Amino acid sequence: MGEASRPPTMPIDRSTRILITNDDGVNAPGLRVLERIARSLSDDVWVVAPETNQSGASHSLTLQRPLRTRNYGLDDNWYAVDGTPTDCVLLAVRSIVTDKPIDLVLSGVNWGGNLAEDVTYSGTVAAAMEATLFGIKAFALSQVYRGRQDIQWGTAEQFSPDLIRKLYAIDWSDDLLINVNFPDCPPDAVAGQQVTFQGKREGQGEPLEERYDPRGHPYVWIGLPGAGTTFSTGSDLQAIVDQKISITPIHMDLTHRESIDPIKRALD
């Protein structure tokens, strides 16, 4: 994988082929939001998404069993895959959507933010990573929320099309994806947009809830990180606190280049 290089930059038009996917599953409300966003940009939209919720799957592939796909919509462009978000993009590119290259991958709209350390766990971001390995421009889109019953999907839906149009039309590095998080507020309360860096929360790891099942056996449930109120200026976390749209360019090369020479010297 990764042998492809991106074609020359062109603006989005009605013939741009867009693949949408997610990690919340094919029945998630955010996927319907994303489909409307994609169809506002193009007439050539394909959906290949996990059959079940795959939140936290990160960039994992299903290797120990076969994968199955099935048509899951009112037209031939909707598919469910019984695997991870990464599986979905891989199968879309190599097996499902093969008559014409995919120009753009949109992943989301995730049910909750993908900020700071979330990026390394996120199946939403991982789907965009897989597209990037194929040389396809990709966005990960997430809607931050506080209460699950009052998610501001309209914010992501209103601001995504213009943002995607503008950023798709510029040259990106081949190993770059764009991670976008929308604040938890109505569209008219959004305080602007900000290009951010990946922030860092205080504390060590996700909180754990230790409980007992009905038979008295203990179990542990991994919880959600705390919201926080103040973070580093310019970070994705602080942009969301400030009710701004956070736009973070994510680089696929994880090498810490400043450490190469010190490590070489230590080994020599």
C-alpha atoms as a PDB file:
ATOM      1  CA  MET A   1       0.000   0.000   0.000  1.00  0.00           C
ATOM      2  CA  GLY A   2       1.006   3.612  -0.363  1.00  0.00           C
ATOM      3  CA  GLU A   3       2.371   3.124  -3.881  1.00  0.00           C
ATOM      4  CA  ALA A   4      -0.059   5.678  -5.322  1.00  0.00           C
ATOM      5  CA  SER A   5       0.705   9.368  -5.546  1.00  0.00           C
ATOM      6  CA  ARG A   6      -1.854  12.104  -5.598  1.00  0.00           C
ATOM      7  CA  PRO A   7      -3.025  13.456  -8.942  1.00  0.00           C
ATOM      8  CA  PRO A   8      -2.603  17.174  -9.709  1.00  0.00           C
ATOM      9  CA  THR A   9      -4.688  19.368  -7.440  1.00  0.00           C
ATOM     10  CA  MET A  10      -8.099  20.213  -8.864  1.00  0.00           C
ATOM     11  CA  PRO A  11     -11.110  21.921  -7.296  1.00  0.00           C
ATOM     12  CA  ILE A  12     -14.060  19.785  -6.282  1.00  0.00           C
ATOM     13  CA  ASP A  13     -16.811  19.565  -8.889  1.00  0.00           C
ATOM     14  CA  ARG A  14     -19.914  17.448  -9.335  1.00  0.00           C
ATOM     15  CA  SER A  15     -17.849  14.608 -10.868  1.00  0.00           C
ATOM     16  CA  THR A  16     -15.370  14.320  -7.981  1.00  0.00           C
ATOM     17  CA  ARG A  17     -15.563  10.787  -6.609  1.00  0.00           C
ATOM     18  CA  ILE A  18     -16.012  10.856  -2.829  1.00  0.00           C
ATOM     19  CA  LEU A  19     -15.849   7.856  -0.510  1.00  0.00           C
ATOM     20  CA  ILE A  20     -17.361   8.292   2.935  1.00  0.00           C
ATOM     21  CA  THR A  21     -16.829   6.020   5.925  1.00  0.00           C
ATOM     22  CA  ASN A  22     -16.749   6.194   9.724  1.00  0.00           C
ATOM     23  CA  ASP A  23     -16.040   4.208  12.883  1.00  0.00           C
ATOM     24  CA  ASP A  24     -19.455   4.568  14.547  1.00  0.00           C
ATOM     25  CA  GLY A  25     -21.032   2.107  12.134  1.00  0.00           C
ATOM     26  CA  VAL A  26     -23.277   2.143   9.109  1.00  0.00           C
ATOM     27  CA  ASN A  27     -26.360   3.117  11.155  1.00  0.00           C
ATOM     28  CA  ALA A  28     -24.753   6.088  12.921  1.00  0.00           C
ATOM     29  CA  PRO A  29     -26.502   9.473  12.548  1.00  0.00           C
ATOM     30  CA  GLY A  30     -23.186  11.157  11.780  1.00  0.00           C
ATOM     31  CA  LEU A  31     -22.807   9.040   8.637  1.00  0.00           C
ATOM     32  CA  ARG A  32     -26.119  10.378   7.328  1.00  0.00           C
ATOM     33  CA  VAL A  33     -24.879  13.899   8.075  1.00  0.00           C
ATOM     34  CA  LEU A  34     -21.669  13.144   6.194  1.00  0.00           C
ATOM     35  CA  GLU A  35     -23.578  11.778   3.225  1.00  0.00           C
ATOM     36  CA  ARG A  36     -25.504  15.042   2.956  1.00  0.00           C
ATOM     37  CA  ILE A  37     -22.223  16.970   3.174  1.00  0.00           C
ATOM     38  CA  ALA A  38     -20.669  14.834   0.438  1.00  0.00           C
ATOM     39  CA  ARG A  39     -23.724  15.093  -1.837  1.00  0.00           C
ATOM     40  CA  SER A  40     -23.608  18.877  -1.509  1.00  0.00           C
ATOM     41  CA  LEU A  41     -20.163  18.641  -3.116  1.00  0.00           C
ATOM     42  CA  SER A  42     -20.520  15.879  -5.709  1.00  0.00           C
ATOM     43  CA  ASP A  43     -22.925  13.580  -7.513  1.00  0.00           C
ATOM     44  CA  ASP A  44     -20.484  10.646  -7.253  1.00  0.00           C
ATOM     45  CA  VAL A  45     -20.656   9.560  -3.598  1.00  0.00           C
ATOM     46  CA  TRP A  46     -19.927   6.077  -2.259  1.00  0.00           C
ATOM     47  CA  VAL A  47     -20.503   4.781   1.269  1.00  0.00           C
ATOM     48  CA  VAL A  48     -18.408   1.924   2.674  1.00  0.00           C
ATOM     49  CA  ALA A  49     -18.712   1.787   6.461  1.00  0.00           C
ATOM     50  CA  PRO A  50     -18.369  -0.743   9.288  1.00  0.00           C
ATOM     51  CA  GLU A  51     -21.391  -2.922   9.951  1.00  0.00           C
ATOM     52  CA  THR A  52     -21.072  -2.302  13.710  1.00  0.00           C
ATOM     53  CA  ASN A  53     -19.564   0.337  15.962  1.00  0.00           C
ATOM     54  CA  GLN A  54     -15.758   0.290  15.724  1.00  0.00           C
ATOM     55  CA  SER A  55     -14.908   3.254  17.951  1.00  0.00           C
ATOM     56  CA  GLY A  56     -11.374   2.961  19.297  1.00  0.00           C
ATOM     57  CA  ALA A  57     -10.333   0.485  16.599  1.00  0.00           C
ATOM     58  CA  SER A  58      -7.452   2.754  15.603  1.00  0.00           C
ATOM     59  CA  HIS A  59      -5.577   1.729  12.430  1.00  0.00           C
ATOM     60  CA  SER A  60      -6.280  -1.976  12.795  1.00  0.00           C
ATOM     61  CA  LEU A  61      -6.797  -4.514  10.013  1.00  0.00           C
ATOM     62  CA  THR A  62      -8.815  -7.722  10.289  1.00  0.00           C
ATOM     63  CA  LEU A  63      -6.309 -10.505   9.616  1.00  0.00           C
ATOM     64  CA  GLN A  64      -7.603 -13.582  11.454  1.00  0.00           C
ATOM     65  CA  ARG A  65     -10.871 -14.118   9.557  1.00  0.00           C
ATOM     66  CA  PRO A  66     -12.414 -13.313   6.174  1.00  0.00           C
ATOM     67  CA  LEU A  67     -14.296 -10.077   5.634  1.00  0.00           C
ATOM     68  CA  ARG A  68     -17.809  -9.858   4.240  1.00  0.00           C
ATOM     69  CA  THR A  69     -19.463  -6.961   2.469  1.00  0.00           C
ATOM     70  CA  ARG A  70     -23.115  -6.423   1.700  1.00  0.00           C
ATOM     71  CA  ASN A  71     -25.109  -3.791  -0.059  1.00  0.00           C
ATOM     72  CA  TYR A  72     -26.753  -1.654   2.568  1.00  0.00           C
ATOM     73  CA  GLY A  73     -28.757   1.095   0.943  1.00  0.00           C
ATOM     74  CA  LEU A  74     -31.328   2.173  -1.545  1.00  0.00           C
ATOM     75  CA  ASP A  75     -28.725   2.276  -4.306  1.00  0.00           C
ATOM     76  CA  ASP A  76     -25.627   0.344  -5.340  1.00  0.00           C
ATOM     77  CA  ASN A  77     -23.248   2.855  -3.739  1.00  0.00           C
ATOM     78  CA  TRP A  78     -23.927   1.875  -0.101  1.00  0.00           C
ATOM     79  CA  TYR A  79     -21.943  -0.964   1.510  1.00  0.00           C
ATOM     80  CA  ALA A  80     -21.438  -2.365   4.990  1.00  0.00           C
ATOM     81  CA  VAL A  81     -18.266  -4.265   5.909  1.00  0.00           C
ATOM     82  CA  ASP A  82     -18.017  -6.532   8.965  1.00  0.00           C
ATOM     83  CA  GLY A  83     -14.627  -5.082   9.851  1.00  0.00           C
ATOM     84  CA  THR A  84     -12.765  -1.978  10.927  1.00  0.00           C
ATOM     85  CA  PRO A  85     -12.683   1.499   9.355  1.00  0.00           C
ATOM     86  CA  THR A  86      -9.295   0.646   7.881  1.00  0.00           C
ATOM     87  CA  ASP A  87     -10.768  -2.517   6.348  1.00  0.00           C
ATOM     88  CA  CYS A  88     -13.532  -0.395   4.814  1.00  0.00           C
ATOM     89  CA  VAL A  89     -11.150   1.955   3.022  1.00  0.00           C
ATOM     90  CA  LEU A  90      -8.901  -0.904   1.901  1.00  0.00           C
ATOM     91  CA  LEU A  91     -11.819  -2.874   0.464  1.00  0.00           C
ATOM     92  CA  ALA A  92     -13.342   0.219  -1.117  1.00  0.00           C
ATOM     93  CA  VAL A  93     -10.131   1.104  -2.950  1.00  0.00           C
ATOM     94  CA  ARG A  94      -9.113  -2.416  -3.917  1.00  0.00           C
ATOM     95  CA  SER A  95     -12.408  -4.274  -4.370  1.00  0.00           C
ATOM     96  CA  ILE A  96     -15.632  -2.255  -4.255  1.00  0.00           C
ATOM     97  CA  VAL A  97     -15.062   1.092  -5.996  1.00  0.00           C
ATOM     98  CA  THR A  98     -12.792   0.102  -8.859  1.00  0.00           C
ATOM     99  CA  ASP A  99     -14.217   1.495 -12.107  1.00  0.00           C
ATOM    100  CA  LYS A 100     -12.789   4.953 -11.424  1.00  0.00           C
ATOM    101  CA  PRO A 101     -10.283   6.226  -8.826  1.00  0.00           C
ATOM    102  CA  ILE A 102     -11.504   7.743  -5.574  1.00  0.00           C
ATOM    103  CA  ASP A 103     -10.567  11.424  -5.359  1.00  0.00           C
ATOM    104  CA  LEU A 104     -11.452  12.196  -1.757  1.00  0.00           C
ATOM    105  CA  VAL A 105     -12.205  10.276   1.438  1.00  0.00           C
ATOM    106  CA  LEU A 106     -14.352  11.796   4.192  1.00  0.00           C
ATOM    107  CA  SER A 107     -14.448   9.949   7.515  1.00  0.00           C
ATOM    108  CA  GLY A 108     -17.075  10.732  10.152  1.00  0.00           C
ATOM    109  CA  VAL A 109     -18.931  12.708  11.182  1.00  0.00           C
ATOM    110  CA  ASN A 110     -17.767  11.136  14.420  1.00  0.00           C
ATOM    111  CA  TRP A 111     -20.049  11.054  17.446  1.00  0.00           C
ATOM    112  CA  GLY A 112     -17.673  12.992  19.717  1.00  0.00           C
ATOM    113  CA  GLY A 113     -14.357  14.774  19.346  1.00  0.00           C
ATOM    114  CA  ASN A 114     -11.078  13.319  18.130  1.00  0.00           C
ATOM    115  CA  LEU A 115      -8.641  15.630  19.876  1.00  0.00           C
ATOM    116  CA  ALA A 116      -5.190  15.364  21.412  1.00  0.00           C
ATOM    117  CA  GLU A 117      -4.403  11.727  22.352  1.00  0.00           C
ATOM    118  CA  ASP A 118      -7.722  10.588  20.806  1.00  0.00           C
ATOM    119  CA  VAL A 119      -6.015  10.702  17.415  1.00  0.00           C
ATOM    120  CA  THR A 120      -3.989   7.560  18.160  1.00  0.00           C
ATOM    121  CA  TYR A 121      -7.092   5.573  19.197  1.00  0.00           C
ATOM    122  CA  SER A 122      -9.541   6.907  16.659  1.00  0.00           C
ATOM    123  CA  GLY A 123     -10.992   4.710  13.936  1.00  0.00           C
ATOM    124  CA  THR A 124     -12.284   7.893  12.305  1.00  0.00           C
ATOM    125  CA  VAL A 125      -8.759   9.256  11.933  1.00  0.00           C
ATOM    126  CA  ALA A 126      -7.430   5.812  10.985  1.00  0.00           C
ATOM    127  CA  ALA A 127      -9.769   5.601   7.990  1.00  0.00           C
ATOM    128  CA  ALA A 128      -8.343   8.908   6.775  1.00  0.00           C
ATOM    129  CA  MET A 129      -4.847   7.532   7.398  1.00  0.00           C
ATOM    130  CA  GLU A 130      -5.567   4.503   5.219  1.00  0.00           C
ATOM    131  CA  ALA A 131      -6.773   6.762   2.418  1.00  0.00           C
ATOM    132  CA  THR A 132      -3.591   8.816   2.769  1.00  0.00           C
ATOM    133  CA  LEU A 133      -1.480   5.673   2.337  1.00  0.00           C
ATOM    134  CA  PHE A 134      -3.234   5.197  -1.010  1.00  0.00           C
ATOM    135  CA  GLY A 135      -2.407   8.744  -2.070  1.00  0.00           C
ATOM    136  CA  ILE A 136      -5.993   9.976  -1.608  1.00  0.00           C
ATOM    137  CA  LYS A 137      -6.766  13.273   0.109  1.00  0.00           C
ATOM    138  CA  ALA A 138      -8.688  12.627   3.301  1.00  0.00           C
ATOM    139  CA  PHE A 139     -10.525  14.452   6.079  1.00  0.00           C
ATOM    140  CA  ALA A 140     -11.487  13.124   9.506  1.00  0.00           C
ATOM    141  CA  LEU A 141     -14.539  15.041  10.740  1.00  0.00           C
ATOM    142  CA  SER A 142     -15.827  14.948  14.343  1.00  0.00           C
ATOM    143  CA  GLN A 143     -18.587  16.713  16.239  1.00  0.00           C
ATOM    144  CA  VAL A 144     -17.750  17.413  19.884  1.00  0.00           C
ATOM    145  CA  TYR A 145     -20.623  16.998  22.352  1.00  0.00           C
ATOM    146  CA  ARG A 146     -21.336  17.157  26.083  1.00  0.00           C
ATOM    147  CA  GLY A 147     -24.765  15.531  26.156  1.00  0.00           C
ATOM    148  CA  ARG A 148     -25.529  12.566  23.881  1.00  0.00           C
ATOM    149  CA  GLN A 149     -29.142  13.682  23.475  1.00  0.00           C
ATOM    150  CA  ASP A 150     -28.333  17.130  22.132  1.00  0.00           C
ATOM    151  CA  ILE A 151     -25.536  16.775  19.578  1.00  0.00           C
ATOM    152  CA  GLN A 152     -25.057  19.796  17.335  1.00  0.00           C
ATOM    153  CA  TRP A 153     -24.904  17.941  14.024  1.00  0.00           C
ATOM    154  CA  GLY A 154     -25.984  21.125  12.251  1.00  0.00           C
ATOM    155  CA  THR A 155     -22.632  22.727  13.064  1.00  0.00           C
ATOM    156  CA  ALA A 156     -20.625  20.087  11.223  1.00  0.00           C
ATOM    157  CA  GLU A 157     -23.140  20.034   8.380  1.00  0.00           C
ATOM    158  CA  GLN A 158     -23.151  23.799   7.876  1.00  0.00           C
ATOM    159  CA  PHE A 159     -19.409  24.448   7.967  1.00  0.00           C
ATOM    160  CA  SER A 160     -17.946  21.284   6.377  1.00  0.00           C
ATOM    161  CA  PRO A 161     -18.706  21.866   2.682  1.00  0.00           C
ATOM    162  CA  ASP A 162     -16.948  25.230   2.372  1.00  0.00           C
ATOM    163  CA  LEU A 163     -14.007  24.070   4.481  1.00  0.00           C
ATOM    164  CA  ILE A 164     -13.570  20.901   2.416  1.00  0.00           C
ATOM    165  CA  ARG A 165     -13.805  22.817  -0.876  1.00  0.00           C
ATOM    166  CA  LYS A 166     -11.126  25.306   0.159  1.00  0.00           C
ATOM    167  CA  LEU A 167      -8.659  22.763   1.542  1.00  0.00           C
ATOM    168  CA  TYR A 168      -9.150  20.153  -1.181  1.00  0.00           C
ATOM    169  CA  ALA A 169      -8.155  22.739  -3.790  1.00  0.00           C
ATOM    170  CA  ILE A 170      -4.662  23.318  -2.333  1.00  0.00           C
ATOM    171  CA  ASP A 171      -1.557  21.140  -2.567  1.00  0.00           C
ATOM    172  CA  TRP A 172      -0.916  18.843   0.404  1.00  0.00           C
ATOM    173  CA  SER A 173       2.028  16.697   1.264  1.00  0.00           C
ATOM    174  CA  ASP A 174       1.320  13.104   0.171  1.00  0.00           C
ATOM    175  CA  ASP A 175       1.549  11.902   3.782  1.00  0.00           C
ATOM    176  CA  LEU A 176      -0.863  14.440   5.251  1.00  0.00           C
ATOM    177  CA  LEU A 177      -4.489  14.231   6.342  1.00  0.00           C
ATOM    178  CA  ILE A 178      -6.741  16.893   7.847  1.00  0.00           C
ATOM    179  CA  ASN A 179      -8.381  16.305  11.228  1.00  0.00           C
ATOM    180  CA  VAL A 180     -11.370  18.612  11.802  1.00  0.00           C
ATOM    181  CA  ASN A 181     -13.292  18.965  15.073  1.00  0.00           C
ATOM    182  CA  PHE A 182     -16.456  21.038  15.393  1.00  0.00           C
ATOM    183  CA  PRO A 183     -17.287  22.704  18.733  1.00  0.00           C
ATOM    184  CA  ASP A 184     -20.290  21.785  20.851  1.00  0.00           C
ATOM    185  CA  CYS A 185     -22.457  24.781  19.990  1.00  0.00           C
ATOM    186  CA  PRO A 186     -25.073  25.786  17.411  1.00  0.00           C
ATOM    187  CA  PRO A 187     -23.756  27.082  14.070  1.00  0.00           C
ATOM    188  CA  ASP A 188     -24.487  30.720  14.929  1.00  0.00           C
ATOM    189  CA  ALA A 189     -22.367  30.445  18.097  1.00  0.00           C
ATOM    190  CA  VAL A 190     -19.204  29.221  16.332  1.00  0.00           C
ATOM    191  CA  ALA A 191     -16.430  31.736  16.994  1.00  0.00           C
ATOM    192  CA  GLY A 192     -14.476  31.055  13.814  1.00  0.00           C
ATOM    193  CA  GLN A 193     -11.979  28.455  12.720  1.00  0.00           C
ATOM    194  CA  GLN A 194      -8.375  27.863  13.739  1.00  0.00           C
ATOM    195  CA  VAL A 195      -5.511  25.823  12.333  1.00  0.00           C
ATOM    196  CA  THR A 196      -4.243  23.968  15.384  1.00  0.00           C
ATOM    197  CA  PHE A 197      -1.674  21.505  16.661  1.00  0.00           C
ATOM    198  CA  GLN A 198      -2.434  18.272  18.495  1.00  0.00           C
ATOM    199  CA  GLY A 199      -2.917  19.092  22.162  1.00  0.00           C
ATOM    200  CA  LYS A 200      -2.271  17.096  25.317  1.00  0.00           C
ATOM    201  CA  ARG A 201      -4.531  16.475  28.289  1.00  0.00           C
ATOM    202  CA  GLU A 202      -3.328  16.291  31.857  1.00  0.00           C
ATOM    203  CA  GLY A 203      -3.327  12.902  33.566  1.00  0.00           C
ATOM    204  CA  GLN A 204      -2.471   9.404  32.504  1.00  0.00           C
ATOM    205  CA  GLY A 205      -4.811   7.559  30.160  1.00  0.00           C
ATOM    206  CA  GLU A 206      -8.565   7.190  30.097  1.00  0.00           C
ATOM    207  CA  PRO A 207     -10.535   6.958  33.376  1.00  0.00           C
ATOM    208  CA  LEU A 208     -11.694   3.514  34.469  1.00  0.00           C
ATOM    209  CA  GLU A 209     -15.061   2.585  35.951  1.00  0.00           C
ATOM    210  CA  GLU A 210     -14.799  -0.512  38.146  1.00  0.00           C
ATOM    211  CA  ARG A 211     -18.165  -2.240  38.625  1.00  0.00           C
ATOM    212  CA  TYR A 212     -19.840  -5.596  39.230  1.00  0.00           C
ATOM    213  CA  ASP A 213     -22.110  -7.503  36.874  1.00  0.00           C
ATOM    214  CA  PRO A 214     -25.454  -8.969  38.054  1.00  0.00           C
ATOM    215  CA  ARG A 215     -23.681 -12.167  39.129  1.00  0.00           C
ATOM    216  CA  GLY A 216     -21.228 -10.285  41.304  1.00  0.00           C
ATOM    217  CA  HIS A 217     -18.221 -10.615  39.006  1.00  0.00           C
ATOM    218  CA  PRO A 218     -16.009  -7.510  38.727  1.00  0.00           C
ATOM    219  CA  TYR A 219     -15.417  -5.785  35.426  1.00  0.00           C
ATOM    220  CA  VAL A 220     -13.782  -2.576  34.197  1.00  0.00           C
ATOM    221  CA  TRP A 221     -15.310  -0.120  31.736  1.00  0.00           C
ATOM    222  CA  ILE A 222     -13.038   2.418  30.025  1.00  0.00           C
ATOM    223  CA  GLY A 223     -14.571   5.879  30.387  1.00  0.00           C
ATOM    224  CA  LEU A 224     -14.333   9.203  28.603  1.00  0.00           C
ATOM    225  CA  PRO A 225     -11.590  11.762  29.288  1.00  0.00           C
ATOM    226  CA  GLY A 226     -12.478  14.848  31.306  1.00  0.00           C
ATOM    227  CA  ALA A 227     -13.548  17.941  29.429  1.00  0.00           C
ATOM    228  CA  GLY A 228     -11.046  20.407  30.907  1.00  0.00           C
ATOM    229  CA  THR A 229     -11.239  24.175  30.598  1.00  0.00           C
ATOM    230  CA  THR A 230      -7.763  25.505  29.767  1.00  0.00           C
ATOM    231  CA  PHE A 231      -5.174  24.041  27.401  1.00  0.00           C
ATOM    232  CA  SER A 232      -2.144  25.185  25.401  1.00  0.00           C
ATOM    233  CA  THR A 233      -2.815  28.179  23.186  1.00  0.00           C
ATOM    234  CA  GLY A 234      -3.076  27.061  19.567  1.00  0.00           C
ATOM    235  CA  SER A 235      -3.996  23.474  20.429  1.00  0.00           C
ATOM    236  CA  ASP A 236      -7.024  21.589  19.136  1.00  0.00           C
ATOM    237  CA  LEU A 237      -8.307  21.281  22.709  1.00  0.00           C
ATOM    238  CA  GLN A 238      -8.217  25.021  23.357  1.00  0.00           C
ATOM    239  CA  ALA A 239      -9.853  25.835  20.026  1.00  0.00           C
ATOM    240  CA  ILE A 240     -12.851  23.700  21.025  1.00  0.00           C
ATOM    241  CA  VAL A 241     -13.036  25.389  24.446  1.00  0.00           C
ATOM    242  CA  ASP A 242     -13.079  28.718  22.557  1.00  0.00           C
ATOM    243  CA  GLN A 243     -15.949  27.413  20.391  1.00  0.00           C
ATOM    244  CA  LYS A 244     -13.824  27.411  17.252  1.00  0.00           C
ATOM    245  CA  ILE A 245     -13.548  24.808  14.523  1.00  0.00           C
ATOM    246  CA  SER A 246     -10.217  23.029  14.997  1.00  0.00           C
ATOM    247  CA  ILE A 247      -8.336  22.113  11.800  1.00  0.00           C
ATOM    248  CA  THR A 248      -5.229  20.014  12.448  1.00  0.00           C
ATOM    249  CA  PRO A 249      -2.891  18.734   9.723  1.00  0.00           C
ATOM    250  CA  ILE A 250      -1.783  15.239  10.750  1.00  0.00           C
ATOM    251  CA  HIS A 251       1.502  13.862   9.450  1.00  0.00           C
ATOM    252  CA  MET A 252       1.817  10.117   8.807  1.00  0.00           C
ATOM    253  CA  ASP A 253       5.569  10.055   9.481  1.00  0.00           C
ATOM    254  CA  LEU A 254       5.860   9.438  13.239  1.00  0.00           C
ATOM    255  CA  THR A 255       9.644   9.689  13.259  1.00  0.00           C
ATOM    256  CA  HIS A 256      11.075  12.106  15.841  1.00  0.00           C
ATOM    257  CA  ARG A 257      13.901  13.348  13.641  1.00  0.00           C
ATOM    258  CA  GLU A 258      15.597  15.411  16.344  1.00  0.00           C
ATOM    259  CA  SER A 259      16.354  12.182  18.219  1.00  0.00           C
ATOM    260  CA  ILE A 260      18.079  10.366  15.356  1.00  0.00           C
ATOM    261  CA  ASP A 261      21.561  11.813  15.875  1.00  0.00           C
ATOM    262  CA  PRO A 262      21.578  11.544  19.709  1.00  0.00           C
ATOM    263  CA  ILE A 263      20.521   7.900  19.433  1.00  0.00           C
ATOM    264  CA  LYS A 264      23.199   7.223  16.820  1.00  0.00           C
ATOM    265  CA  ARG A 265      25.833   8.781  19.093  1.00  0.00           C
ATOM    266  CA  ALA A 266      24.665   6.704  22.053  1.00  0.00           C
ATOM    267  CA  LEU A 267      24.938   3.493  20.013  1.00  0.00           C
ATOM    268  CA  ASP A 268      28.357   4.401  18.611  1.00  0.00           C
END
